[in-house]
Amino acid sequence: MSDEPKNIRAERRERQEQQQESAAPQGRQAPSTAGATQAGPRPEPIRFFGTTWLNHDGNYPARRAGVTAGSLAAVVASGLVLRLAYEGLQLAAVGGFVSILVVIMFATCSALAFGHTWGSYTTRPDPARQSSLRGLLTIGFLGSLTAYFLRSLKEAPGESLHREEYTTAREQYDRRTAKRTGNPSKRRRP
């Protein structure tokens, strides 16, 4: 008989954990600092940072320094690739008009990709627009890499957007759970 309450408590705990797992959106992880499972919304992981952006723990400064250095190296390498491509056009003697068109195309696409990537750190981009701009963003990869590098100097790229969404979701969750205290059938009606 004394084992029965322990079994009931264990089953109840398992059901609560299953409900929390099923309520959380797919692809999200628990915060890295939580010792126990936390009820409510969970922070969305960011590439290279996981959920360390929430409390800036788990080697967050080292990760940010690594991401900044890596993105700067990628910007430099992509600039060298573009330079080699331009020199290849000059060796092929395609003419000044084609060379100018290629430079203008890469400059325009890089500027548009920079603006799109920079804007995606403050608001979620529209998926339909994102797919229609895929080619332009691919051509303007130098602009996207530059935006990633510049944003990593300030924070984990996308951290402010994720923090704002997490804070909003947390406040909504707290409001919803605060309203449901007590048994509503025992309330007195005036």
C-alpha atoms as a PDB file:
ATOM      1  CA  MET A   1       0.000   0.000   0.000  1.00  0.00           C
ATOM      2  CA  SER A   2       2.829   2.439   0.759  1.00  0.00           C
ATOM      3  CA  ASP A   3       4.198   1.951  -2.788  1.00  0.00           C
ATOM      4  CA  GLU A   4       0.975   3.157  -4.383  1.00  0.00           C
ATOM      5  CA  PRO A   5       1.407   6.895  -3.693  1.00  0.00           C
ATOM      6  CA  LYS A   6       4.980   6.796  -5.036  1.00  0.00           C
ATOM      7  CA  ASN A   7       3.758   5.178  -8.245  1.00  0.00           C
ATOM      8  CA  ILE A   8       1.006   7.720  -8.609  1.00  0.00           C
ATOM      9  CA  ARG A   9       3.449  10.595  -8.103  1.00  0.00           C
ATOM     10  CA  ALA A  10       5.879   9.081 -10.624  1.00  0.00           C
ATOM     11  CA  GLU A  11       3.103   8.649 -13.198  1.00  0.00           C
ATOM     12  CA  ARG A  12       1.873  12.186 -12.606  1.00  0.00           C
ATOM     13  CA  ARG A  13       5.424  13.546 -13.051  1.00  0.00           C
ATOM     14  CA  GLU A  14       5.861  11.568 -16.297  1.00  0.00           C
ATOM     15  CA  ARG A  15       2.561  12.893 -17.660  1.00  0.00           C
ATOM     16  CA  GLN A  16       3.561  16.474 -16.841  1.00  0.00           C
ATOM     17  CA  GLU A  17       6.906  16.041 -18.594  1.00  0.00           C
ATOM     18  CA  GLN A  18       5.201  14.541 -21.649  1.00  0.00           C
ATOM     19  CA  GLN A  19       2.720  17.421 -21.756  1.00  0.00           C
ATOM     20  CA  GLN A  20       5.546  19.961 -21.554  1.00  0.00           C
ATOM     21  CA  GLU A  21       7.449  18.209 -24.345  1.00  0.00           C
ATOM     22  CA  SER A  22       4.387  18.020 -26.574  1.00  0.00           C
ATOM     23  CA  ALA A  23       3.470  21.660 -25.870  1.00  0.00           C
ATOM     24  CA  ALA A  24       6.932  22.933 -26.870  1.00  0.00           C
ATOM     25  CA  PRO A  25       7.413  23.590 -30.625  1.00  0.00           C
ATOM     26  CA  GLN A  26       9.645  21.171 -32.505  1.00  0.00           C
ATOM     27  CA  GLY A  27      13.297  22.152 -32.817  1.00  0.00           C
ATOM     28  CA  ARG A  28      13.435  24.087 -29.575  1.00  0.00           C
ATOM     29  CA  GLN A  29      15.617  23.162 -26.664  1.00  0.00           C
ATOM     30  CA  ALA A  30      15.489  23.817 -22.965  1.00  0.00           C
ATOM     31  CA  PRO A  31      17.643  26.687 -21.706  1.00  0.00           C
ATOM     32  CA  SER A  32      21.216  25.638 -21.035  1.00  0.00           C
ATOM     33  CA  THR A  33      21.119  27.092 -17.523  1.00  0.00           C
ATOM     34  CA  ALA A  34      18.007  25.316 -16.319  1.00  0.00           C
ATOM     35  CA  GLY A  35      18.800  22.606 -13.801  1.00  0.00           C
ATOM     36  CA  ALA A  36      15.204  21.380 -13.828  1.00  0.00           C
ATOM     37  CA  THR A  37      12.721  21.496 -16.649  1.00  0.00           C
ATOM     38  CA  GLN A  38      11.066  24.878 -16.842  1.00  0.00           C
ATOM     39  CA  ALA A  39       7.379  25.205 -17.590  1.00  0.00           C
ATOM     40  CA  GLY A  40       6.306  27.481 -20.380  1.00  0.00           C
ATOM     41  CA  PRO A  41       7.986  28.679 -23.560  1.00  0.00           C
ATOM     42  CA  ARG A  42      11.578  27.754 -24.273  1.00  0.00           C
ATOM     43  CA  PRO A  43      14.140  29.933 -26.053  1.00  0.00           C
ATOM     44  CA  GLU A  44      14.816  29.178 -29.690  1.00  0.00           C
ATOM     45  CA  PRO A  45      18.411  28.136 -30.388  1.00  0.00           C
ATOM     46  CA  ILE A  46      20.601  30.304 -32.605  1.00  0.00           C
ATOM     47  CA  ARG A  47      23.163  28.747 -34.938  1.00  0.00           C
ATOM     48  CA  PHE A  48      26.598  28.433 -33.259  1.00  0.00           C
ATOM     49  CA  PHE A  49      25.155  29.639 -29.933  1.00  0.00           C
ATOM     50  CA  GLY A  50      22.356  27.245 -29.030  1.00  0.00           C
ATOM     51  CA  THR A  51      20.442  28.795 -26.143  1.00  0.00           C
ATOM     52  CA  THR A  52      23.495  30.366 -24.475  1.00  0.00           C
ATOM     53  CA  TRP A  53      22.345  33.756 -25.808  1.00  0.00           C
ATOM     54  CA  LEU A  54      19.612  33.866 -23.162  1.00  0.00           C
ATOM     55  CA  ASN A  55      21.868  34.334 -20.127  1.00  0.00           C
ATOM     56  CA  HIS A  56      25.217  34.786 -21.939  1.00  0.00           C
ATOM     57  CA  ASP A  57      26.609  31.645 -20.331  1.00  0.00           C
ATOM     58  CA  GLY A  58      28.246  28.467 -21.639  1.00  0.00           C
ATOM     59  CA  ASN A  59      31.268  30.126 -23.301  1.00  0.00           C
ATOM     60  CA  TYR A  60      29.057  32.728 -24.974  1.00  0.00           C
ATOM     61  CA  PRO A  61      31.872  35.340 -25.217  1.00  0.00           C
ATOM     62  CA  ALA A  62      34.259  32.781 -26.736  1.00  0.00           C
ATOM     63  CA  ARG A  63      31.604  31.649 -29.202  1.00  0.00           C
ATOM     64  CA  ARG A  64      30.893  35.220 -30.200  1.00  0.00           C
ATOM     65  CA  ALA A  65      34.581  35.937 -30.704  1.00  0.00           C
ATOM     66  CA  GLY A  66      34.897  32.782 -32.814  1.00  0.00           C
ATOM     67  CA  VAL A  67      31.856  33.671 -34.908  1.00  0.00           C
ATOM     68  CA  THR A  68      33.164  37.208 -35.435  1.00  0.00           C
ATOM     69  CA  ALA A  69      36.602  35.968 -36.492  1.00  0.00           C
ATOM     70  CA  GLY A  70      35.111  33.270 -38.718  1.00  0.00           C
ATOM     71  CA  SER A  71      32.727  35.643 -40.442  1.00  0.00           C
ATOM     72  CA  LEU A  72      35.545  38.158 -41.025  1.00  0.00           C
ATOM     73  CA  ALA A  73      37.646  35.379 -42.557  1.00  0.00           C
ATOM     74  CA  ALA A  74      34.687  34.413 -44.766  1.00  0.00           C
ATOM     75  CA  VAL A  75      34.280  38.044 -45.912  1.00  0.00           C
ATOM     76  CA  VAL A  76      37.977  38.270 -46.792  1.00  0.00           C
ATOM     77  CA  ALA A  77      37.947  34.899 -48.587  1.00  0.00           C
ATOM     78  CA  SER A  78      34.833  35.792 -50.581  1.00  0.00           C
ATOM     79  CA  GLY A  79      36.399  39.132 -51.546  1.00  0.00           C
ATOM     80  CA  LEU A  80      39.424  37.241 -52.862  1.00  0.00           C
ATOM     81  CA  VAL A  81      37.180  34.879 -54.833  1.00  0.00           C
ATOM     82  CA  LEU A  82      35.399  37.840 -56.432  1.00  0.00           C
ATOM     83  CA  ARG A  83      38.740  39.421 -57.267  1.00  0.00           C
ATOM     84  CA  LEU A  84      39.918  36.220 -58.929  1.00  0.00           C
ATOM     85  CA  ALA A  85      36.687  36.089 -60.918  1.00  0.00           C
ATOM     86  CA  TYR A  86      37.190  39.672 -62.093  1.00  0.00           C
ATOM     87  CA  GLU A  87      40.794  38.971 -63.063  1.00  0.00           C
ATOM     88  CA  GLY A  88      39.531  35.942 -64.978  1.00  0.00           C
ATOM     89  CA  LEU A  89      37.193  38.207 -66.933  1.00  0.00           C
ATOM     90  CA  GLN A  90      40.084  40.522 -67.735  1.00  0.00           C
ATOM     91  CA  LEU A  91      42.244  37.605 -68.901  1.00  0.00           C
ATOM     92  CA  ALA A  92      39.401  36.390 -71.110  1.00  0.00           C
ATOM     93  CA  ALA A  93      39.297  39.860 -72.692  1.00  0.00           C
ATOM     94  CA  VAL A  94      35.508  40.012 -72.622  1.00  0.00           C
ATOM     95  CA  GLY A  95      35.578  43.776 -72.896  1.00  0.00           C
ATOM     96  CA  GLY A  96      34.994  46.713 -70.639  1.00  0.00           C
ATOM     97  CA  PHE A  97      31.216  46.703 -70.938  1.00  0.00           C
ATOM     98  CA  VAL A  98      30.832  43.132 -69.626  1.00  0.00           C
ATOM     99  CA  SER A  99      33.315  43.765 -66.825  1.00  0.00           C
ATOM    100  CA  ILE A 100      31.391  46.860 -65.732  1.00  0.00           C
ATOM    101  CA  LEU A 101      28.089  44.939 -65.861  1.00  0.00           C
ATOM    102  CA  VAL A 102      29.510  42.170 -63.661  1.00  0.00           C
ATOM    103  CA  VAL A 103      30.856  44.663 -61.115  1.00  0.00           C
ATOM    104  CA  ILE A 104      27.531  46.541 -61.027  1.00  0.00           C
ATOM    105  CA  MET A 105      25.614  43.255 -60.682  1.00  0.00           C
ATOM    106  CA  PHE A 106      27.711  42.041 -57.745  1.00  0.00           C
ATOM    107  CA  ALA A 107      27.652  45.462 -56.070  1.00  0.00           C
ATOM    108  CA  THR A 108      23.863  45.766 -56.402  1.00  0.00           C
ATOM    109  CA  CYS A 109      23.174  42.209 -55.273  1.00  0.00           C
ATOM    110  CA  SER A 110      25.577  42.572 -52.342  1.00  0.00           C
ATOM    111  CA  ALA A 111      23.918  45.815 -51.242  1.00  0.00           C
ATOM    112  CA  LEU A 112      20.441  44.264 -51.447  1.00  0.00           C
ATOM    113  CA  ALA A 113      21.612  41.107 -49.649  1.00  0.00           C
ATOM    114  CA  PHE A 114      23.208  43.221 -46.916  1.00  0.00           C
ATOM    115  CA  GLY A 115      19.969  45.133 -46.367  1.00  0.00           C
ATOM    116  CA  HIS A 116      17.849  41.995 -46.379  1.00  0.00           C
ATOM    117  CA  THR A 117      20.171  40.129 -44.004  1.00  0.00           C
ATOM    118  CA  TRP A 118      20.505  43.104 -41.656  1.00  0.00           C
ATOM    119  CA  GLY A 119      16.734  43.535 -41.561  1.00  0.00           C
ATOM    120  CA  SER A 120      16.203  39.848 -40.797  1.00  0.00           C
ATOM    121  CA  TYR A 121      17.956  40.368 -37.443  1.00  0.00           C
ATOM    122  CA  THR A 122      15.160  42.644 -36.235  1.00  0.00           C
ATOM    123  CA  THR A 123      12.052  41.163 -37.917  1.00  0.00           C
ATOM    124  CA  ARG A 124      11.181  37.721 -39.248  1.00  0.00           C
ATOM    125  CA  PRO A 125      11.410  37.704 -43.052  1.00  0.00           C
ATOM    126  CA  ASP A 126       8.409  36.598 -45.093  1.00  0.00           C
ATOM    127  CA  PRO A 127       9.057  33.002 -46.275  1.00  0.00           C
ATOM    128  CA  ALA A 128       7.547  33.656 -49.717  1.00  0.00           C
ATOM    129  CA  ARG A 129       9.733  36.712 -50.250  1.00  0.00           C
ATOM    130  CA  GLN A 130      12.736  34.823 -48.885  1.00  0.00           C
ATOM    131  CA  SER A 131      12.336  32.070 -51.475  1.00  0.00           C
ATOM    132  CA  SER A 132      11.875  34.561 -54.310  1.00  0.00           C
ATOM    133  CA  LEU A 133      15.074  36.389 -53.310  1.00  0.00           C
ATOM    134  CA  ARG A 134      17.162  33.225 -53.001  1.00  0.00           C
ATOM    135  CA  GLY A 135      19.081  33.816 -56.248  1.00  0.00           C
ATOM    136  CA  LEU A 136      19.756  37.456 -55.474  1.00  0.00           C
ATOM    137  CA  LEU A 137      20.976  36.572 -51.973  1.00  0.00           C
ATOM    138  CA  THR A 138      23.242  33.893 -53.413  1.00  0.00           C
ATOM    139  CA  ILE A 139      24.845  36.320 -55.859  1.00  0.00           C
ATOM    140  CA  GLY A 140      25.171  38.943 -53.114  1.00  0.00           C
ATOM    141  CA  PHE A 141      26.803  36.570 -50.640  1.00  0.00           C
ATOM    142  CA  LEU A 142      29.445  39.178 -49.811  1.00  0.00           C
ATOM    143  CA  GLY A 143      26.764  41.534 -48.487  1.00  0.00           C
ATOM    144  CA  SER A 144      25.170  38.794 -46.373  1.00  0.00           C
ATOM    145  CA  LEU A 145      28.516  37.820 -44.884  1.00  0.00           C
ATOM    146  CA  THR A 146      29.347  41.455 -44.157  1.00  0.00           C
ATOM    147  CA  ALA A 147      26.014  41.953 -42.375  1.00  0.00           C
ATOM    148  CA  TYR A 148      26.630  38.787 -40.327  1.00  0.00           C
ATOM    149  CA  PHE A 149      30.111  40.007 -39.370  1.00  0.00           C
ATOM    150  CA  LEU A 150      28.942  43.484 -38.366  1.00  0.00           C
ATOM    151  CA  ARG A 151      26.026  42.103 -36.334  1.00  0.00           C
ATOM    152  CA  SER A 152      28.300  39.629 -34.527  1.00  0.00           C
ATOM    153  CA  LEU A 153      30.336  42.587 -33.246  1.00  0.00           C
ATOM    154  CA  LYS A 154      27.280  43.711 -31.245  1.00  0.00           C
ATOM    155  CA  GLU A 155      25.529  40.439 -30.337  1.00  0.00           C
ATOM    156  CA  ALA A 156      24.816  36.939 -31.549  1.00  0.00           C
ATOM    157  CA  PRO A 157      23.184  37.543 -34.952  1.00  0.00           C
ATOM    158  CA  GLY A 158      19.436  37.442 -34.343  1.00  0.00           C
ATOM    159  CA  GLU A 159      19.730  37.621 -30.554  1.00  0.00           C
ATOM    160  CA  SER A 160      17.606  40.742 -30.117  1.00  0.00           C
ATOM    161  CA  LEU A 161      14.785  39.278 -32.245  1.00  0.00           C
ATOM    162  CA  HIS A 162      14.874  35.965 -30.376  1.00  0.00           C
ATOM    163  CA  ARG A 163      15.029  37.747 -27.013  1.00  0.00           C
ATOM    164  CA  GLU A 164      12.049  39.937 -27.879  1.00  0.00           C
ATOM    165  CA  GLU A 165      10.005  36.923 -29.036  1.00  0.00           C
ATOM    166  CA  TYR A 166      10.981  34.893 -25.971  1.00  0.00           C
ATOM    167  CA  THR A 167      10.145  37.750 -23.586  1.00  0.00           C
ATOM    168  CA  THR A 168       6.752  38.241 -25.247  1.00  0.00           C
ATOM    169  CA  ALA A 169       5.977  34.527 -25.133  1.00  0.00           C
ATOM    170  CA  ARG A 170       7.094  34.342 -21.498  1.00  0.00           C
ATOM    171  CA  GLU A 171       4.882  37.314 -20.504  1.00  0.00           C
ATOM    172  CA  GLN A 172       1.889  35.810 -22.317  1.00  0.00           C
ATOM    173  CA  TYR A 173       2.474  32.467 -20.628  1.00  0.00           C
ATOM    174  CA  ASP A 174       2.756  34.110 -17.197  1.00  0.00           C
ATOM    175  CA  ARG A 175      -0.476  36.060 -17.783  1.00  0.00           C
ATOM    176  CA  ARG A 176      -2.339  32.936 -18.891  1.00  0.00           C
ATOM    177  CA  THR A 177      -1.169  30.865 -15.939  1.00  0.00           C
ATOM    178  CA  ALA A 178      -1.797  33.674 -13.422  1.00  0.00           C
ATOM    179  CA  LYS A 179      -5.445  33.919 -14.495  1.00  0.00           C
ATOM    180  CA  ARG A 180      -6.094  30.232 -13.859  1.00  0.00           C
ATOM    181  CA  THR A 181      -5.444  30.089 -10.140  1.00  0.00           C
ATOM    182  CA  GLY A 182      -7.997  28.469  -7.892  1.00  0.00           C
ATOM    183  CA  ASN A 183     -11.076  26.440  -8.648  1.00  0.00           C
ATOM    184  CA  PRO A 184     -13.527  28.501 -10.752  1.00  0.00           C
ATOM    185  CA  SER A 185     -16.568  26.524  -9.540  1.00  0.00           C
ATOM    186  CA  LYS A 186     -15.978  27.752  -5.964  1.00  0.00           C
ATOM    187  CA  ARG A 187     -16.038  31.429  -6.876  1.00  0.00           C
ATOM    188  CA  ARG A 188     -18.811  33.529  -5.427  1.00  0.00           C
ATOM    189  CA  ARG A 189     -21.015  35.345  -7.843  1.00  0.00           C
ATOM    190  CA  PRO A 190     -22.176  38.858  -6.865  1.00  0.00           C
END
